[in-house]
């Protein structure tokens, strides 16, 4: 009978440890959200929600409006980066077209 009780106690202890880790992770994510450095979860506001729930490494604190704003700004940054790479790749002289540098610029512009 003691062996069963010990096993049940160990299971409860493991569950409590996992719960504490999840709470600490959520607290850290909230702190990142308050500082503005969080990355919103892509699926949290979807119809099905985030399948990772407590184990998700992305922010569930962001409202839907905050998520949309951050996504818009991220897309704008990406577009600006691609525009810059296209402009730089146009400045590569013909004699350097076969060099590793030009192939790097071509692959990033895609």
PDB file of N, CA and C in Angstrom:
ATOM      1  N   UNK A   1       0.823  -1.192   0.000  1.00  0.00           N
ATOM      2  CA  UNK A   1       0.000   0.000   0.000  1.00  0.00           C
ATOM      3  C   UNK A   1       0.871   1.262   0.000  1.00  0.00           C
ATOM      4  N   UNK A   2       2.014   1.223   0.686  1.00  0.00           N
ATOM      5  CA  UNK A   2       2.893   2.389   0.757  1.00  0.00           C
ATOM      6  C   UNK A   2       3.490   2.710  -0.604  1.00  0.00           C
ATOM      7  N   UNK A   3       3.783   1.671  -1.372  1.00  0.00           N
ATOM      8  CA  UNK A   3       4.374   1.888  -2.683  1.00  0.00           C
ATOM      9  C   UNK A   3       3.428   2.691  -3.577  1.00  0.00           C
ATOM     10  N   UNK A   4       2.150   2.402  -3.517  1.00  0.00           N
ATOM     11  CA  UNK A   4       1.158   3.124  -4.303  1.00  0.00           C
ATOM     12  C   UNK A   4       1.063   4.572  -3.846  1.00  0.00           C
ATOM     13  N   UNK A   5       1.112   4.791  -2.545  1.00  0.00           N
ATOM     14  CA  UNK A   5       1.042   6.148  -2.014  1.00  0.00           C
ATOM     15  C   UNK A   5       2.286   6.942  -2.421  1.00  0.00           C
ATOM     16  N   UNK A   6       3.450   6.287  -2.376  1.00  0.00           N
ATOM     17  CA  UNK A   6       4.679   6.960  -2.800  1.00  0.00           C
ATOM     18  C   UNK A   6       4.618   7.349  -4.272  1.00  0.00           C
ATOM     19  N   UNK A   7       4.087   6.456  -5.086  1.00  0.00           N
ATOM     20  CA  UNK A   7       3.965   6.736  -6.518  1.00  0.00           C
ATOM     21  C   UNK A   7       3.007   7.907  -6.753  1.00  0.00           C
ATOM     22  N   UNK A   8       1.901   7.920  -6.010  1.00  0.00           N
ATOM     23  CA  UNK A   8       0.935   9.013  -6.147  1.00  0.00           C
ATOM     24  C   UNK A   8       1.550  10.330  -5.682  1.00  0.00           C
ATOM     25  N   UNK A   9       2.330  10.293  -4.615  1.00  0.00           N
ATOM     26  CA  UNK A   9       2.986  11.501  -4.109  1.00  0.00           C
ATOM     27  C   UNK A   9       4.001  12.019  -5.126  1.00  0.00           C
ATOM     28  N   UNK A  10       4.773  11.118  -5.719  1.00  0.00           N
ATOM     29  CA  UNK A  10       5.736  11.513  -6.736  1.00  0.00           C
ATOM     30  C   UNK A  10       5.034  12.135  -7.938  1.00  0.00           C
ATOM     31  N   UNK A  11       3.905  11.590  -8.324  1.00  0.00           N
ATOM     32  CA  UNK A  11       3.150  12.131  -9.458  1.00  0.00           C
ATOM     33  C   UNK A  11       2.657  13.541  -9.147  1.00  0.00           C
ATOM     34  N   UNK A  12       2.194  13.754  -7.927  1.00  0.00           N
ATOM     35  CA  UNK A  12       1.714  15.077  -7.524  1.00  0.00           C
ATOM     36  C   UNK A  12       2.875  16.070  -7.513  1.00  0.00           C
ATOM     37  N   UNK A  13       4.021  15.641  -7.006  1.00  0.00           N
ATOM     38  CA  UNK A  13       5.196  16.516  -6.967  1.00  0.00           C
ATOM     39  C   UNK A  13       5.626  16.890  -8.381  1.00  0.00           C
ATOM     40  N   UNK A  14       5.670  15.926  -9.288  1.00  0.00           N
ATOM     41  CA  UNK A  14       6.040  16.207 -10.681  1.00  0.00           C
ATOM     42  C   UNK A  14       5.044  17.156 -11.333  1.00  0.00           C
ATOM     43  N   UNK A  15       3.757  16.953 -11.063  1.00  0.00           N
ATOM     44  CA  UNK A  15       2.734  17.828 -11.615  1.00  0.00           C
ATOM     45  C   UNK A  15       2.918  19.253 -11.094  1.00  0.00           C
ATOM     46  N   UNK A  16       3.196  19.391  -9.796  1.00  0.00           N
ATOM     47  CA  UNK A  16       3.392  20.717  -9.209  1.00  0.00           C
ATOM     48  C   UNK A  16       4.628  21.403  -9.798  1.00  0.00           C
ATOM     49  N   UNK A  17       5.700  20.643 -10.010  1.00  0.00           N
ATOM     50  CA  UNK A  17       6.898  21.220 -10.625  1.00  0.00           C
ATOM     51  C   UNK A  17       6.589  21.735 -12.030  1.00  0.00           C
ATOM     52  N   UNK A  18       5.872  20.936 -12.812  1.00  0.00           N
ATOM     53  CA  UNK A  18       5.520  21.344 -14.167  1.00  0.00           C
ATOM     54  C   UNK A  18       4.626  22.580 -14.155  1.00  0.00           C
ATOM     55  N   UNK A  19       3.707  22.634 -13.209  1.00  0.00           N
ATOM     56  CA  UNK A  19       2.811  23.781 -13.098  1.00  0.00           C
ATOM     57  C   UNK A  19       3.579  25.049 -12.726  1.00  0.00           C
ATOM     58  N   UNK A  20       4.530  24.927 -11.812  1.00  0.00           N
ATOM     59  CA  UNK A  20       5.343  26.084 -11.414  1.00  0.00           C
ATOM     60  C   UNK A  20       6.164  26.589 -12.593  1.00  0.00           C
ATOM     61  N   UNK A  21       6.737  25.677 -13.369  1.00  0.00           N
ATOM     62  CA  UNK A  21       7.513  26.069 -14.544  1.00  0.00           C
ATOM     63  C   UNK A  21       6.626  26.814 -15.537  1.00  0.00           C
ATOM     64  N   UNK A  22       5.419  26.323 -15.749  1.00  0.00           N
ATOM     65  CA  UNK A  22       4.501  26.984 -16.677  1.00  0.00           C
ATOM     66  C   UNK A  22       4.112  28.374 -16.181  1.00  0.00           C
ATOM     67  N   UNK A  23       3.869  28.500 -14.887  1.00  0.00           N
ATOM     68  CA  UNK A  23       3.501  29.798 -14.322  1.00  0.00           C
ATOM     69  C   UNK A  23       4.659  30.777 -14.457  1.00  0.00           C
ATOM     70  N   UNK A  24       5.873  30.329 -14.181  1.00  0.00           N
ATOM     71  CA  UNK A  24       7.035  31.205 -14.318  1.00  0.00           C
ATOM     72  C   UNK A  24       7.244  31.623 -15.775  1.00  0.00           C
ATOM     73  N   UNK A  25       7.020  30.695 -16.705  1.00  0.00           N
ATOM     74  CA  UNK A  25       7.149  31.026 -18.123  1.00  0.00           C
ATOM     75  C   UNK A  25       6.108  32.069 -18.517  1.00  0.00           C
ATOM     76  N   UNK A  26       4.879  31.904 -18.024  1.00  0.00           N
ATOM     77  CA  UNK A  26       3.820  32.868 -18.330  1.00  0.00           C
ATOM     78  C   UNK A  26       4.136  34.236 -17.724  1.00  0.00           C
ATOM     79  N   UNK A  27       4.701  34.241 -16.518  1.00  0.00           N
ATOM     80  CA  UNK A  27       5.081  35.497 -15.878  1.00  0.00           C
ATOM     81  C   UNK A  27       6.177  36.207 -16.686  1.00  0.00           C
ATOM     82  N   UNK A  28       7.154  35.444 -17.152  1.00  0.00           N
ATOM     83  CA  UNK A  28       8.218  36.026 -17.973  1.00  0.00           C
ATOM     84  C   UNK A  28       7.637  36.588 -19.270  1.00  0.00           C
ATOM     85  N   UNK A  29       6.677  35.886 -19.870  1.00  0.00           N
ATOM     86  CA  UNK A  29       6.051  36.366 -21.097  1.00  0.00           C
ATOM     87  C   UNK A  29       5.264  37.650 -20.837  1.00  0.00           C
ATOM     88  N   UNK A  30       4.622  37.741 -19.683  1.00  0.00           N
ATOM     89  CA  UNK A  30       3.890  38.958 -19.330  1.00  0.00           C
ATOM     90  C   UNK A  30       4.849  40.127 -19.173  1.00  0.00           C
ATOM     91  N   UNK A  31       6.006  39.880 -18.569  1.00  0.00           N
ATOM     92  CA  UNK A  31       7.004  40.936 -18.425  1.00  0.00           C
ATOM     93  C   UNK A  31       7.514  41.392 -19.790  1.00  0.00           C
ATOM     94  N   UNK A  32       7.733  40.444 -20.698  1.00  0.00           N
ATOM     95  CA  UNK A  32       8.138  40.807 -22.057  1.00  0.00           C
ATOM     96  C   UNK A  32       7.047  41.630 -22.742  1.00  0.00           C
ATOM     97  N   UNK A  33       5.787  41.255 -22.508  1.00  0.00           N
ATOM     98  CA  UNK A  33       4.671  41.987 -23.106  1.00  0.00           C
ATOM     99  C   UNK A  33       4.640  43.428 -22.600  1.00  0.00           C
ATOM    100  N   UNK A  34       4.809  43.590 -21.307  1.00  0.00           N
ATOM    101  CA  UNK A  34       4.769  44.930 -20.722  1.00  0.00           C
ATOM    102  C   UNK A  34       5.931  45.794 -21.207  1.00  0.00           C
ATOM    103  N   UNK A  35       7.062  45.166 -21.511  1.00  0.00           N
ATOM    104  CA  UNK A  35       8.209  45.928 -22.010  1.00  0.00           C
ATOM    105  C   UNK A  35       8.096  46.192 -23.514  1.00  0.00           C
ATOM    106  N   UNK A  36       7.154  45.504 -24.187  1.00  0.00           N
ATOM    107  CA  UNK A  36       6.973  45.692 -25.624  1.00  0.00           C
ATOM    108  C   UNK A  36       7.858  44.805 -26.474  1.00  0.00           C
ATOM    109  N   UNK A  37       8.563  43.869 -25.851  1.00  0.00           N
ATOM    110  CA  UNK A  37       9.493  43.001 -26.571  1.00  0.00           C
ATOM    111  C   UNK A  37       8.928  41.618 -26.875  1.00  0.00           C
ATOM    112  N   UNK A  38       7.644  41.418 -26.647  1.00  0.00           N
ATOM    113  CA  UNK A  38       7.063  40.087 -26.853  1.00  0.00           C
ATOM    114  C   UNK A  38       6.807  39.831 -28.333  1.00  0.00           C
ATOM    115  N   UNK A  39       6.636  38.558 -28.646  1.00  0.00           N
ATOM    116  CA  UNK A  39       6.245  38.151 -29.992  1.00  0.00           C
ATOM    117  C   UNK A  39       4.889  37.475 -29.861  1.00  0.00           C
ATOM    118  N   UNK A  40       3.845  38.053 -30.452  1.00  0.00           N
ATOM    119  CA  UNK A  40       2.497  37.501 -30.286  1.00  0.00           C
ATOM    120  C   UNK A  40       2.343  36.114 -30.902  1.00  0.00           C
ATOM    121  N   UNK A  41       1.517  35.313 -30.275  1.00  0.00           N
ATOM    122  CA  UNK A  41       1.204  33.978 -30.789  1.00  0.00           C
ATOM    123  C   UNK A  41       0.317  34.134 -32.022  1.00  0.00           C
ATOM    124  N   UNK A  42       0.676  33.461 -33.101  1.00  0.00           N
ATOM    125  CA  UNK A  42      -0.065  33.565 -34.363  1.00  0.00           C
ATOM    126  C   UNK A  42      -1.447  32.922 -34.286  1.00  0.00           C
ATOM    127  N   UNK A  43      -1.592  31.919 -33.430  1.00  0.00           N
ATOM    128  CA  UNK A  43      -2.838  31.148 -33.426  1.00  0.00           C
ATOM    129  C   UNK A  43      -3.719  31.399 -32.215  1.00  0.00           C
ATOM    130  N   UNK A  44      -3.258  32.189 -31.261  1.00  0.00           N
ATOM    131  CA  UNK A  44      -4.014  32.373 -30.026  1.00  0.00           C
ATOM    132  C   UNK A  44      -5.399  32.963 -30.276  1.00  0.00           C
ATOM    133  N   UNK A  45      -5.500  33.921 -31.190  1.00  0.00           N
ATOM    134  CA  UNK A  45      -6.780  34.575 -31.458  1.00  0.00           C
ATOM    135  C   UNK A  45      -7.555  33.919 -32.591  1.00  0.00           C
ATOM    136  N   UNK A  46      -7.082  32.794 -33.068  1.00  0.00           N
ATOM    137  CA  UNK A  46      -7.805  32.105 -34.134  1.00  0.00           C
ATOM    138  C   UNK A  46      -9.016  31.378 -33.552  1.00  0.00           C
ATOM    139  N   UNK A  47      -9.843  30.851 -34.424  1.00  0.00           N
ATOM    140  CA  UNK A  47     -11.053  30.168 -33.994  1.00  0.00           C
ATOM    141  C   UNK A  47     -10.733  28.956 -33.108  1.00  0.00           C
ATOM    142  N   UNK A  48      -9.671  28.235 -33.459  1.00  0.00           N
ATOM    143  CA  UNK A  48      -9.316  27.029 -32.696  1.00  0.00           C
ATOM    144  C   UNK A  48      -8.413  27.336 -31.516  1.00  0.00           C
ATOM    145  N   UNK A  49      -7.778  28.508 -31.517  1.00  0.00           N
ATOM    146  CA  UNK A  49      -6.890  28.869 -30.416  1.00  0.00           C
ATOM    147  C   UNK A  49      -5.531  28.206 -30.533  1.00  0.00           C
ATOM    148  N   UNK A  50      -4.681  28.487 -29.569  1.00  0.00           N
ATOM    149  CA  UNK A  50      -3.332  27.931 -29.567  1.00  0.00           C
ATOM    150  C   UNK A  50      -3.368  26.522 -29.003  1.00  0.00           C
ATOM    151  N   UNK A  51      -2.801  25.608 -29.736  1.00  0.00           N
ATOM    152  CA  UNK A  51      -2.822  24.218 -29.266  1.00  0.00           C
ATOM    153  C   UNK A  51      -1.782  23.963 -28.180  1.00  0.00           C
ATOM    154  N   UNK A  52      -0.840  24.892 -28.004  1.00  0.00           N
ATOM    155  CA  UNK A  52       0.215  24.689 -27.018  1.00  0.00           C
ATOM    156  C   UNK A  52      -0.164  25.240 -25.647  1.00  0.00           C
ATOM    157  N   UNK A  53      -1.150  26.149 -25.604  1.00  0.00           N
ATOM    158  CA  UNK A  53      -1.613  26.758 -24.360  1.00  0.00           C
ATOM    159  C   UNK A  53      -0.455  27.182 -23.455  1.00  0.00           C
ATOM    160  N   UNK A  54      -0.284  26.532 -22.320  1.00  0.00           N
ATOM    161  CA  UNK A  54       0.723  26.926 -21.331  1.00  0.00           C
ATOM    162  C   UNK A  54       2.149  26.708 -21.819  1.00  0.00           C
ATOM    163  N   UNK A  55       2.340  25.812 -22.750  1.00  0.00           N
ATOM    164  CA  UNK A  55       3.680  25.501 -23.212  1.00  0.00           C
ATOM    165  C   UNK A  55       4.111  26.362 -24.404  1.00  0.00           C
ATOM    166  N   UNK A  56       3.267  27.275 -24.839  1.00  0.00           N
ATOM    167  CA  UNK A  56       3.580  28.136 -25.972  1.00  0.00           C
ATOM    168  C   UNK A  56       4.661  29.140 -25.583  1.00  0.00           C
ATOM    169  N   UNK A  57       5.597  29.377 -26.490  1.00  0.00           N
ATOM    170  CA  UNK A  57       6.689  30.312 -26.228  1.00  0.00           C
ATOM    171  C   UNK A  57       6.384  31.718 -26.738  1.00  0.00           C
ATOM    172  N   UNK A  58       5.169  31.931 -27.222  1.00  0.00           N
ATOM    173  CA  UNK A  58       4.784  33.235 -27.736  1.00  0.00           C
ATOM    174  C   UNK A  58       3.741  33.871 -26.821  1.00  0.00           C
ATOM    175  N   UNK A  59       3.521  35.161 -27.017  1.00  0.00           N
ATOM    176  CA  UNK A  59       2.702  35.947 -26.093  1.00  0.00           C
ATOM    177  C   UNK A  59       1.207  35.702 -26.308  1.00  0.00           C
ATOM    178  N   UNK A  60       0.521  35.365 -25.225  1.00  0.00           N
ATOM    179  CA  UNK A  60      -0.936  35.236 -25.238  1.00  0.00           C
ATOM    180  C   UNK A  60      -1.582  36.437 -24.564  1.00  0.00           C
ATOM    181  N   UNK A  61      -0.780  37.403 -24.125  1.00  0.00           N
ATOM    182  CA  UNK A  61      -1.294  38.580 -23.432  1.00  0.00           C
ATOM    183  C   UNK A  61      -1.723  39.642 -24.443  1.00  0.00           C
ATOM    184  N   UNK A  62      -1.128  39.652 -25.618  1.00  0.00           N
ATOM    185  CA  UNK A  62      -1.458  40.649 -26.646  1.00  0.00           C
ATOM    186  C   UNK A  62      -2.922  40.535 -27.066  1.00  0.00           C
ATOM    187  N   UNK A  63      -3.550  41.692 -27.187  1.00  0.00           N
ATOM    188  CA  UNK A  63      -4.918  41.701 -27.705  1.00  0.00           C
ATOM    189  C   UNK A  63      -4.868  41.470 -29.213  1.00  0.00           C
ATOM    190  N   UNK A  64      -6.023  41.250 -29.808  1.00  0.00           N
ATOM    191  CA  UNK A  64      -6.072  41.028 -31.246  1.00  0.00           C
ATOM    192  C   UNK A  64      -5.578  42.264 -31.996  1.00  0.00           C
ATOM    193  N   UNK A  65      -5.916  43.442 -31.507  1.00  0.00           N
ATOM    194  CA  UNK A  65      -5.449  44.677 -32.155  1.00  0.00           C
ATOM    195  C   UNK A  65      -3.931  44.814 -32.064  1.00  0.00           C
ATOM    196  N   UNK A  66      -3.360  44.515 -30.897  1.00  0.00           N
ATOM    197  CA  UNK A  66      -1.898  44.570 -30.747  1.00  0.00           C
ATOM    198  C   UNK A  66      -1.225  43.575 -31.677  1.00  0.00           C
ATOM    199  N   UNK A  67      -1.801  42.384 -31.780  1.00  0.00           N
ATOM    200  CA  UNK A  67      -1.257  41.361 -32.673  1.00  0.00           C
ATOM    201  C   UNK A  67      -1.246  41.865 -34.108  1.00  0.00           C
ATOM    202  N   UNK A  68      -2.350  42.459 -34.546  1.00  0.00           N
ATOM    203  CA  UNK A  68      -2.438  42.951 -35.925  1.00  0.00           C
ATOM    204  C   UNK A  68      -1.445  44.079 -36.178  1.00  0.00           C
ATOM    205  N   UNK A  69      -1.282  44.980 -35.220  1.00  0.00           N
ATOM    206  CA  UNK A  69      -0.338  46.090 -35.369  1.00  0.00           C
ATOM    207  C   UNK A  69       1.090  45.570 -35.469  1.00  0.00           C
ATOM    208  N   UNK A  70       1.462  44.636 -34.580  1.00  0.00           N
ATOM    209  CA  UNK A  70       2.820  44.084 -34.606  1.00  0.00           C
ATOM    210  C   UNK A  70       3.061  43.316 -35.903  1.00  0.00           C
ATOM    211  N   UNK A  71       2.068  42.590 -36.373  1.00  0.00           N
ATOM    212  CA  UNK A  71       2.212  41.847 -37.625  1.00  0.00           C
ATOM    213  C   UNK A  71       2.398  42.814 -38.797  1.00  0.00           C
ATOM    214  N   UNK A  72       1.634  43.916 -38.792  1.00  0.00           N
ATOM    215  CA  UNK A  72       1.756  44.922 -39.850  1.00  0.00           C
ATOM    216  C   UNK A  72       3.162  45.514 -39.864  1.00  0.00           C
ATOM    217  N   UNK A  73       3.672  45.888 -38.690  1.00  0.00           N
ATOM    218  CA  UNK A  73       5.010  46.476 -38.626  1.00  0.00           C
ATOM    219  C   UNK A  73       6.093  45.468 -39.019  1.00  0.00           C
ATOM    220  N   UNK A  74       5.914  44.214 -38.653  1.00  0.00           N
ATOM    221  CA  UNK A  74       6.885  43.181 -39.033  1.00  0.00           C
ATOM    222  C   UNK A  74       6.913  43.012 -40.555  1.00  0.00           C
ATOM    223  N   UNK A  75       5.732  43.030 -41.180  1.00  0.00           N
ATOM    224  CA  UNK A  75       5.677  42.915 -42.641  1.00  0.00           C
ATOM    225  C   UNK A  75       6.311  44.130 -43.305  1.00  0.00           C
ATOM    226  N   UNK A  76       6.100  45.318 -42.742  1.00  0.00           N
ATOM    227  CA  UNK A  76       6.710  46.527 -43.293  1.00  0.00           C
ATOM    228  C   UNK A  76       8.233  46.455 -43.224  1.00  0.00           C
ATOM    229  N   UNK A  77       8.763  45.959 -42.101  1.00  0.00           N
ATOM    230  CA  UNK A  77      10.213  45.805 -41.959  1.00  0.00           C
ATOM    231  C   UNK A  77      10.760  44.832 -42.995  1.00  0.00           C
ATOM    232  N   UNK A  78      10.057  43.714 -43.180  1.00  0.00           N
ATOM    233  CA  UNK A  78      10.493  42.711 -44.148  1.00  0.00           C
ATOM    234  C   UNK A  78      10.480  43.275 -45.571  1.00  0.00           C
ATOM    235  N   UNK A  79       9.437  44.014 -45.905  1.00  0.00           N
ATOM    236  CA  UNK A  79       9.360  44.625 -47.236  1.00  0.00           C
ATOM    237  C   UNK A  79      10.498  45.623 -47.444  1.00  0.00           C
ATOM    238  N   UNK A  80      10.785  46.426 -46.415  1.00  0.00           N
ATOM    239  CA  UNK A  80      11.875  47.405 -46.521  1.00  0.00           C
ATOM    240  C   UNK A  80      13.216  46.700 -46.704  1.00  0.00           C
ATOM    241  N   UNK A  81      13.410  45.593 -45.981  1.00  0.00           N
ATOM    242  CA  UNK A  81      14.653  44.832 -46.109  1.00  0.00           C
ATOM    243  C   UNK A  81      14.794  44.264 -47.519  1.00  0.00           C
ATOM    244  N   UNK A  82      13.721  43.713 -48.052  1.00  0.00           N
ATOM    245  CA  UNK A  82      13.764  43.164 -49.412  1.00  0.00           C
ATOM    246  C   UNK A  82      14.023  44.264 -50.441  1.00  0.00           C
ATOM    247  N   UNK A  83      13.415  45.436 -50.240  1.00  0.00           N
ATOM    248  CA  UNK A  83      13.642  46.566 -51.138  1.00  0.00           C
ATOM    249  C   UNK A  83      15.104  46.989 -51.111  1.00  0.00           C
ATOM    250  N   UNK A  84      15.686  47.045 -49.912  1.00  0.00           N
ATOM    251  CA  UNK A  84      17.084  47.421 -49.761  1.00  0.00           C
ATOM    252  C   UNK A  84      17.996  46.415 -50.454  1.00  0.00           C
ATOM    253  N   UNK A  85      17.712  45.142 -50.277  1.00  0.00           N
ATOM    254  CA  UNK A  85      18.531  44.098 -50.912  1.00  0.00           C
ATOM    255  C   UNK A  85      18.427  44.188 -52.426  1.00  0.00           C
ATOM    256  N   UNK A  86      17.216  44.441 -52.938  1.00  0.00           N
ATOM    257  CA  UNK A  86      17.061  44.600 -54.398  1.00  0.00           C
ATOM    258  C   UNK A  86      17.866  45.791 -54.904  1.00  0.00           C
ATOM    259  N   UNK A  87      17.830  46.891 -54.146  1.00  0.00           N
ATOM    260  CA  UNK A  87      18.581  48.089 -54.550  1.00  0.00           C
ATOM    261  C   UNK A  87      20.082  47.842 -54.506  1.00  0.00           C
ATOM    262  N   UNK A  88      20.541  47.145 -53.477  1.00  0.00           N
ATOM    263  CA  UNK A  88      21.973  46.853 -53.356  1.00  0.00           C
ATOM    264  C   UNK A  88      22.410  45.897 -54.456  1.00  0.00           C
ATOM    265  N   UNK A  89      21.604  44.893 -54.740  1.00  0.00           N
ATOM    266  CA  UNK A  89      22.002  43.913 -55.755  1.00  0.00           C
ATOM    267  C   UNK A  89      22.086  44.561 -57.135  1.00  0.00           C
ATOM    268  N   UNK A  90      21.345  45.641 -57.367  1.00  0.00           N
ATOM    269  CA  UNK A  90      21.431  46.355 -58.629  1.00  0.00           C
ATOM    270  C   UNK A  90      22.721  47.134 -58.767  1.00  0.00           C
ATOM    271  N   UNK A  91      23.424  47.366 -57.657  1.00  0.00           N
ATOM    272  CA  UNK A  91      24.669  48.119 -57.677  1.00  0.00           C
ATOM    273  C   UNK A  91      25.899  47.243 -57.855  1.00  0.00           C
ATOM    274  N   UNK A  92      25.723  45.934 -57.893  1.00  0.00           N
ATOM    275  CA  UNK A  92      26.854  45.020 -58.036  1.00  0.00           C
ATOM    276  C   UNK A  92      27.390  45.115 -59.462  1.00  0.00           C
ATOM    277  N   UNK A  93      28.685  45.406 -59.618  1.00  0.00           N
ATOM    278  CA  UNK A  93      29.269  45.504 -60.972  1.00  0.00           C
ATOM    279  C   UNK A  93      29.217  44.156 -61.693  1.00  0.00           C
ATOM    280  N   UNK A  94      29.246  44.216 -63.018  1.00  0.00           N
ATOM    281  CA  UNK A  94      29.157  43.005 -63.839  1.00  0.00           C
ATOM    282  C   UNK A  94      30.288  42.024 -63.554  1.00  0.00           C
ATOM    283  N   UNK A  95      31.483  42.537 -63.245  1.00  0.00           N
ATOM    284  CA  UNK A  95      32.613  41.627 -63.014  1.00  0.00           C
ATOM    285  C   UNK A  95      32.472  40.839 -61.709  1.00  0.00           C
ATOM    286  N   UNK A  96      31.587  41.276 -60.816  1.00  0.00           N
ATOM    287  CA  UNK A  96      31.371  40.547 -59.557  1.00  0.00           C
ATOM    288  C   UNK A  96      30.099  39.708 -59.588  1.00  0.00           C
ATOM    289  N   UNK A  97      29.430  39.625 -60.702  1.00  0.00           N
ATOM    290  CA  UNK A  97      28.154  38.906 -60.780  1.00  0.00           C
ATOM    291  C   UNK A  97      28.280  37.425 -60.407  1.00  0.00           C
ATOM    292  N   UNK A  98      29.384  36.784 -60.678  1.00  0.00           N
ATOM    293  CA  UNK A  98      29.540  35.364 -60.376  1.00  0.00           C
ATOM    294  C   UNK A  98      30.120  35.104 -58.992  1.00  0.00           C
ATOM    295  N   UNK A  99      30.387  36.148 -58.222  1.00  0.00           N
ATOM    296  CA  UNK A  99      31.024  35.968 -56.916  1.00  0.00           C
ATOM    297  C   UNK A  99      30.013  35.488 -55.874  1.00  0.00           C
ATOM    298  N   UNK A 100      30.493  34.930 -54.769  1.00  0.00           N
ATOM    299  CA  UNK A 100      29.585  34.480 -53.706  1.00  0.00           C
ATOM    300  C   UNK A 100      28.731  35.615 -53.153  1.00  0.00           C
ATOM    301  N   UNK A 101      29.246  36.826 -53.152  1.00  0.00           N
ATOM    302  CA  UNK A 101      28.481  37.962 -52.647  1.00  0.00           C
ATOM    303  C   UNK A 101      27.230  38.196 -53.474  1.00  0.00           C
ATOM    304  N   UNK A 102      27.348  38.170 -54.781  1.00  0.00           N
ATOM    305  CA  UNK A 102      26.186  38.419 -55.630  1.00  0.00           C
ATOM    306  C   UNK A 102      25.163  37.293 -55.501  1.00  0.00           C
ATOM    307  N   UNK A 103      25.622  36.049 -55.364  1.00  0.00           N
ATOM    308  CA  UNK A 103      24.662  34.953 -55.194  1.00  0.00           C
ATOM    309  C   UNK A 103      23.944  35.073 -53.861  1.00  0.00           C
ATOM    310  N   UNK A 104      24.611  35.577 -52.842  1.00  0.00           N
ATOM    311  CA  UNK A 104      23.981  35.802 -51.544  1.00  0.00           C
ATOM    312  C   UNK A 104      22.904  36.873 -51.672  1.00  0.00           C
ATOM    313  N   UNK A 105      23.206  37.946 -52.368  1.00  0.00           N
ATOM    314  CA  UNK A 105      22.225  39.004 -52.550  1.00  0.00           C
ATOM    315  C   UNK A 105      21.028  38.528 -53.366  1.00  0.00           C
ATOM    316  N   UNK A 106      21.275  37.731 -54.389  1.00  0.00           N
ATOM    317  CA  UNK A 106      20.172  37.213 -55.211  1.00  0.00           C
ATOM    318  C   UNK A 106      19.265  36.291 -54.428  1.00  0.00           C
ATOM    319  N   UNK A 107      19.846  35.448 -53.569  1.00  0.00           N
ATOM    320  CA  UNK A 107      19.032  34.495 -52.820  1.00  0.00           C
ATOM    321  C   UNK A 107      18.208  35.181 -51.753  1.00  0.00           C
ATOM    322  N   UNK A 108      18.678  36.273 -51.159  1.00  0.00           N
ATOM    323  CA  UNK A 108      17.909  36.974 -50.148  1.00  0.00           C
ATOM    324  C   UNK A 108      16.787  37.797 -50.731  1.00  0.00           C
ATOM    325  N   UNK A 109      16.878  38.184 -51.974  1.00  0.00           N
ATOM    326  CA  UNK A 109      15.854  39.022 -52.556  1.00  0.00           C
ATOM    327  C   UNK A 109      14.617  38.232 -52.978  1.00  0.00           C
ATOM    328  N   UNK A 110      14.678  36.930 -52.931  1.00  0.00           N
ATOM    329  CA  UNK A 110      13.540  36.091 -53.336  1.00  0.00           C
ATOM    330  C   UNK A 110      12.491  36.034 -52.275  1.00  0.00           C
TER     331      UNK A 110
END
